[in-house]
Amino acid sequence: MGRLIKYLFYLAVLAGIALVGYAYIGPFFGADFSPPAEEIRKPVVLDAG
């Protein structure tokens, strides 16, 4: 049981390193993480009273 937990811990650490690596190296391979940029305007009605 202890070996299983140890292997799962190692797997989680490797997955975290892979995720961080993909976040830094991904844009070089064409992955675009930026949100779509568009302006949204909505009228706001304030009830003052």
PDB file of N, CA and C in Angstrom:
ATOM      1  N   MET A   1       0.829  -1.196   0.000  1.00  0.00           N
ATOM      2  CA  MET A   1       0.000   0.000   0.000  1.00  0.00           C
ATOM      3  C   MET A   1       0.869   1.254   0.000  1.00  0.00           C
ATOM      4  N   GLY A   2       1.966   1.211   0.732  1.00  0.00           N
ATOM      5  CA  GLY A   2       2.861   2.367   0.784  1.00  0.00           C
ATOM      6  C   GLY A   2       3.526   2.621  -0.551  1.00  0.00           C
ATOM      7  N   ARG A   3       3.866   1.532  -1.282  1.00  0.00           N
ATOM      8  CA  ARG A   3       4.481   1.712  -2.597  1.00  0.00           C
ATOM      9  C   ARG A   3       3.510   2.352  -3.562  1.00  0.00           C
ATOM     10  N   LEU A   4       2.233   1.983  -3.479  1.00  0.00           N
ATOM     11  CA  LEU A   4       1.222   2.554  -4.360  1.00  0.00           C
ATOM     12  C   LEU A   4       1.096   4.056  -4.118  1.00  0.00           C
ATOM     13  N   ILE A   5       1.056   4.461  -2.866  1.00  0.00           N
ATOM     14  CA  ILE A   5       0.955   5.887  -2.539  1.00  0.00           C
ATOM     15  C   ILE A   5       2.200   6.627  -3.010  1.00  0.00           C
ATOM     16  N   LYS A   6       3.375   5.999  -2.863  1.00  0.00           N
ATOM     17  CA  LYS A   6       4.616   6.620  -3.312  1.00  0.00           C
ATOM     18  C   LYS A   6       4.607   6.804  -4.822  1.00  0.00           C
ATOM     19  N   TYR A   7       4.156   5.797  -5.566  1.00  0.00           N
ATOM     20  CA  TYR A   7       4.103   5.906  -7.024  1.00  0.00           C
ATOM     21  C   TYR A   7       3.077   6.940  -7.462  1.00  0.00           C
ATOM     22  N   LEU A   8       1.950   7.022  -6.780  1.00  0.00           N
ATOM     23  CA  LEU A   8       0.952   8.041  -7.103  1.00  0.00           C
ATOM     24  C   LEU A   8       1.492   9.441  -6.820  1.00  0.00           C
ATOM     25  N   PHE A   9       2.268   9.578  -5.758  1.00  0.00           N
ATOM     26  CA  PHE A   9       2.882  10.868  -5.457  1.00  0.00           C
ATOM     27  C   PHE A   9       3.874  11.250  -6.547  1.00  0.00           C
ATOM     28  N   TYR A  10       4.713  10.306  -6.970  1.00  0.00           N
ATOM     29  CA  TYR A  10       5.660  10.583  -8.045  1.00  0.00           C
ATOM     30  C   TYR A  10       4.933  10.936  -9.342  1.00  0.00           C
ATOM     31  N   LEU A  11       3.855  10.253  -9.626  1.00  0.00           N
ATOM     32  CA  LEU A  11       3.069  10.533 -10.823  1.00  0.00           C
ATOM     33  C   LEU A  11       2.456  11.930 -10.766  1.00  0.00           C
ATOM     34  N   ALA A  12       1.967  12.329  -9.600  1.00  0.00           N
ATOM     35  CA  ALA A  12       1.390  13.663  -9.445  1.00  0.00           C
ATOM     36  C   ALA A  12       2.460  14.743  -9.612  1.00  0.00           C
ATOM     37  N   VAL A  13       3.652  14.513  -9.087  1.00  0.00           N
ATOM     38  CA  VAL A  13       4.739  15.482  -9.243  1.00  0.00           C
ATOM     39  C   VAL A  13       5.136  15.594 -10.705  1.00  0.00           C
ATOM     40  N   LEU A  14       5.264  14.466 -11.394  1.00  0.00           N
ATOM     41  CA  LEU A  14       5.611  14.496 -12.816  1.00  0.00           C
ATOM     42  C   LEU A  14       4.518  15.172 -13.641  1.00  0.00           C
ATOM     43  N   ALA A  15       3.260  14.946 -13.302  1.00  0.00           N
ATOM     44  CA  ALA A  15       2.161  15.592 -14.012  1.00  0.00           C
ATOM     45  C   ALA A  15       2.195  17.105 -13.786  1.00  0.00           C
ATOM     46  N   GLY A  16       2.514  17.543 -12.585  1.00  0.00           N
ATOM     47  CA  GLY A  16       2.623  18.978 -12.315  1.00  0.00           C
ATOM     48  C   GLY A  16       3.762  19.605 -13.099  1.00  0.00           C
ATOM     49  N   ILE A  17       4.901  18.922 -13.156  1.00  0.00           N
ATOM     50  CA  ILE A  17       6.035  19.435 -13.926  1.00  0.00           C
ATOM     51  C   ILE A  17       5.677  19.487 -15.414  1.00  0.00           C
ATOM     52  N   ALA A  18       4.981  18.472 -15.910  1.00  0.00           N
ATOM     53  CA  ALA A  18       4.575  18.459 -17.316  1.00  0.00           C
ATOM     54  C   ALA A  18       3.595  19.585 -17.615  1.00  0.00           C
ATOM     55  N   LEU A  19       2.691  19.861 -16.701  1.00  0.00           N
ATOM     56  CA  LEU A  19       1.715  20.939 -16.909  1.00  0.00           C
ATOM     57  C   LEU A  19       2.398  22.297 -16.952  1.00  0.00           C
ATOM     58  N   VAL A  20       3.320  22.529 -16.041  1.00  0.00           N
ATOM     59  CA  VAL A  20       4.060  23.794 -16.032  1.00  0.00           C
ATOM     60  C   VAL A  20       4.924  23.900 -17.285  1.00  0.00           C
ATOM     61  N   GLY A  21       5.553  22.812 -17.674  1.00  0.00           N
ATOM     62  CA  GLY A  21       6.356  22.824 -18.894  1.00  0.00           C
ATOM     63  C   GLY A  21       5.511  23.110 -20.116  1.00  0.00           C
ATOM     64  N   TYR A  22       4.336  22.525 -20.204  1.00  0.00           N
ATOM     65  CA  TYR A  22       3.451  22.784 -21.340  1.00  0.00           C
ATOM     66  C   TYR A  22       2.978  24.231 -21.346  1.00  0.00           C
ATOM     67  N   ALA A  23       2.755  24.806 -20.183  1.00  0.00           N
ATOM     68  CA  ALA A  23       2.321  26.206 -20.119  1.00  0.00           C
ATOM     69  C   ALA A  23       3.404  27.136 -20.637  1.00  0.00           C
ATOM     70  N   TYR A  24       4.673  26.810 -20.390  1.00  0.00           N
ATOM     71  CA  TYR A  24       5.763  27.663 -20.852  1.00  0.00           C
ATOM     72  C   TYR A  24       6.170  27.361 -22.284  1.00  0.00           C
ATOM     73  N   ILE A  25       6.153  26.088 -22.683  1.00  0.00           N
ATOM     74  CA  ILE A  25       6.650  25.702 -24.004  1.00  0.00           C
ATOM     75  C   ILE A  25       5.521  25.619 -25.032  1.00  0.00           C
ATOM     76  N   GLY A  26       4.290  25.510 -24.599  1.00  0.00           N
ATOM     77  CA  GLY A  26       3.153  25.355 -25.502  1.00  0.00           C
ATOM     78  C   GLY A  26       3.029  26.414 -26.575  1.00  0.00           C
ATOM     79  N   PRO A  27       3.219  27.710 -26.269  1.00  0.00           N
ATOM     80  CA  PRO A  27       3.105  28.723 -27.322  1.00  0.00           C
ATOM     81  C   PRO A  27       4.118  28.548 -28.456  1.00  0.00           C
ATOM     82  N   PHE A  28       5.248  27.920 -28.211  1.00  0.00           N
ATOM     83  CA  PHE A  28       6.215  27.680 -29.281  1.00  0.00           C
ATOM     84  C   PHE A  28       5.712  26.624 -30.260  1.00  0.00           C
ATOM     85  N   PHE A  29       4.785  25.785 -29.822  1.00  0.00           N
ATOM     86  CA  PHE A  29       4.242  24.730 -30.672  1.00  0.00           C
ATOM     87  C   PHE A  29       2.850  25.061 -31.192  1.00  0.00           C
ATOM     88  N   GLY A  30       2.408  26.307 -31.040  1.00  0.00           N
ATOM     89  CA  GLY A  30       1.142  26.730 -31.616  1.00  0.00           C
ATOM     90  C   GLY A  30      -0.031  26.731 -30.661  1.00  0.00           C
ATOM     91  N   ALA A  31       0.159  26.425 -29.398  1.00  0.00           N
ATOM     92  CA  ALA A  31      -0.940  26.467 -28.430  1.00  0.00           C
ATOM     93  C   ALA A  31      -1.130  27.914 -27.983  1.00  0.00           C
ATOM     94  N   ASP A  32      -2.326  28.443 -28.165  1.00  0.00           N
ATOM     95  CA  ASP A  32      -2.613  29.834 -27.813  1.00  0.00           C
ATOM     96  C   ASP A  32      -3.498  29.848 -26.579  1.00  0.00           C
ATOM     97  N   PHE A  33      -2.968  30.365 -25.481  1.00  0.00           N
ATOM     98  CA  PHE A  33      -3.701  30.364 -24.210  1.00  0.00           C
ATOM     99  C   PHE A  33      -4.384  31.699 -23.920  1.00  0.00           C
ATOM    100  N   SER A  34      -4.261  32.665 -24.813  1.00  0.00           N
ATOM    101  CA  SER A  34      -4.843  33.977 -24.537  1.00  0.00           C
ATOM    102  C   SER A  34      -6.354  33.940 -24.794  1.00  0.00           C
ATOM    103  N   PRO A  35      -7.110  34.654 -23.991  1.00  0.00           N
ATOM    104  CA  PRO A  35      -8.556  34.688 -24.198  1.00  0.00           C
ATOM    105  C   PRO A  35      -8.890  35.537 -25.422  1.00  0.00           C
ATOM    106  N   PRO A  36     -10.020  35.292 -26.047  1.00  0.00           N
ATOM    107  CA  PRO A  36     -10.403  36.127 -27.184  1.00  0.00           C
ATOM    108  C   PRO A  36     -10.676  37.559 -26.723  1.00  0.00           C
ATOM    109  N   ALA A  37     -10.106  38.501 -27.438  1.00  0.00           N
ATOM    110  CA  ALA A  37     -10.234  39.910 -27.052  1.00  0.00           C
ATOM    111  C   ALA A  37     -11.377  40.541 -27.839  1.00  0.00           C
ATOM    112  N   GLU A  38     -12.402  40.950 -27.140  1.00  0.00           N
ATOM    113  CA  GLU A  38     -13.499  41.678 -27.762  1.00  0.00           C
ATOM    114  C   GLU A  38     -14.109  42.615 -26.720  1.00  0.00           C
ATOM    115  N   GLU A  39     -14.518  43.754 -27.194  1.00  0.00           N
ATOM    116  CA  GLU A  39     -15.109  44.748 -26.291  1.00  0.00           C
ATOM    117  C   GLU A  39     -16.600  44.486 -26.177  1.00  0.00           C
ATOM    118  N   ILE A  40     -17.098  44.469 -24.953  1.00  0.00           N
ATOM    119  CA  ILE A  40     -18.519  44.255 -24.705  1.00  0.00           C
ATOM    120  C   ILE A  40     -19.062  45.486 -23.987  1.00  0.00           C
ATOM    121  N   ARG A  41     -20.079  46.066 -24.555  1.00  0.00           N
ATOM    122  CA  ARG A  41     -20.719  47.229 -23.933  1.00  0.00           C
ATOM    123  C   ARG A  41     -22.178  46.894 -23.647  1.00  0.00           C
ATOM    124  N   LYS A  42     -22.578  47.116 -22.415  1.00  0.00           N
ATOM    125  CA  LYS A  42     -23.964  46.905 -22.023  1.00  0.00           C
ATOM    126  C   LYS A  42     -24.428  48.139 -21.258  1.00  0.00           C
ATOM    127  N   PRO A  43     -25.630  48.628 -21.542  1.00  0.00           N
ATOM    128  CA  PRO A  43     -26.143  49.771 -20.799  1.00  0.00           C
ATOM    129  C   PRO A  43     -26.484  49.378 -19.365  1.00  0.00           C
ATOM    130  N   VAL A  44     -26.220  50.297 -18.445  1.00  0.00           N
ATOM    131  CA  VAL A  44     -26.513  50.076 -17.045  1.00  0.00           C
ATOM    132  C   VAL A  44     -27.509  51.111 -16.585  1.00  0.00           C
ATOM    133  N   VAL A  45     -28.600  50.650 -16.003  1.00  0.00           N
ATOM    134  CA  VAL A  45     -29.623  51.560 -15.487  1.00  0.00           C
ATOM    135  C   VAL A  45     -29.486  51.598 -13.974  1.00  0.00           C
ATOM    136  N   LEU A  46     -29.221  52.790 -13.440  1.00  0.00           N
ATOM    137  CA  LEU A  46     -29.063  52.951 -12.000  1.00  0.00           C
ATOM    138  C   LEU A  46     -30.345  53.489 -11.406  1.00  0.00           C
ATOM    139  N   ASP A  47     -30.817  52.849 -10.375  1.00  0.00           N
ATOM    140  CA  ASP A  47     -32.026  53.288  -9.685  1.00  0.00           C
ATOM    141  C   ASP A  47     -31.594  54.090  -8.468  1.00  0.00           C
ATOM    142  N   ALA A  48     -31.637  55.418  -8.573  1.00  0.00           N
ATOM    143  CA  ALA A  48     -31.135  56.287  -7.526  1.00  0.00           C
ATOM    144  C   ALA A  48     -32.213  56.661  -6.511  1.00  0.00           C
ATOM    145  N   GLY A  49     -33.321  56.033  -6.586  1.00  0.00           N
ATOM    146  CA  GLY A  49     -34.127  56.448  -5.579  1.00  0.00           C
ATOM    147  C   GLY A  49     -35.462  56.232  -5.242  1.00  0.00           C
TER     148      GLY A  49
END
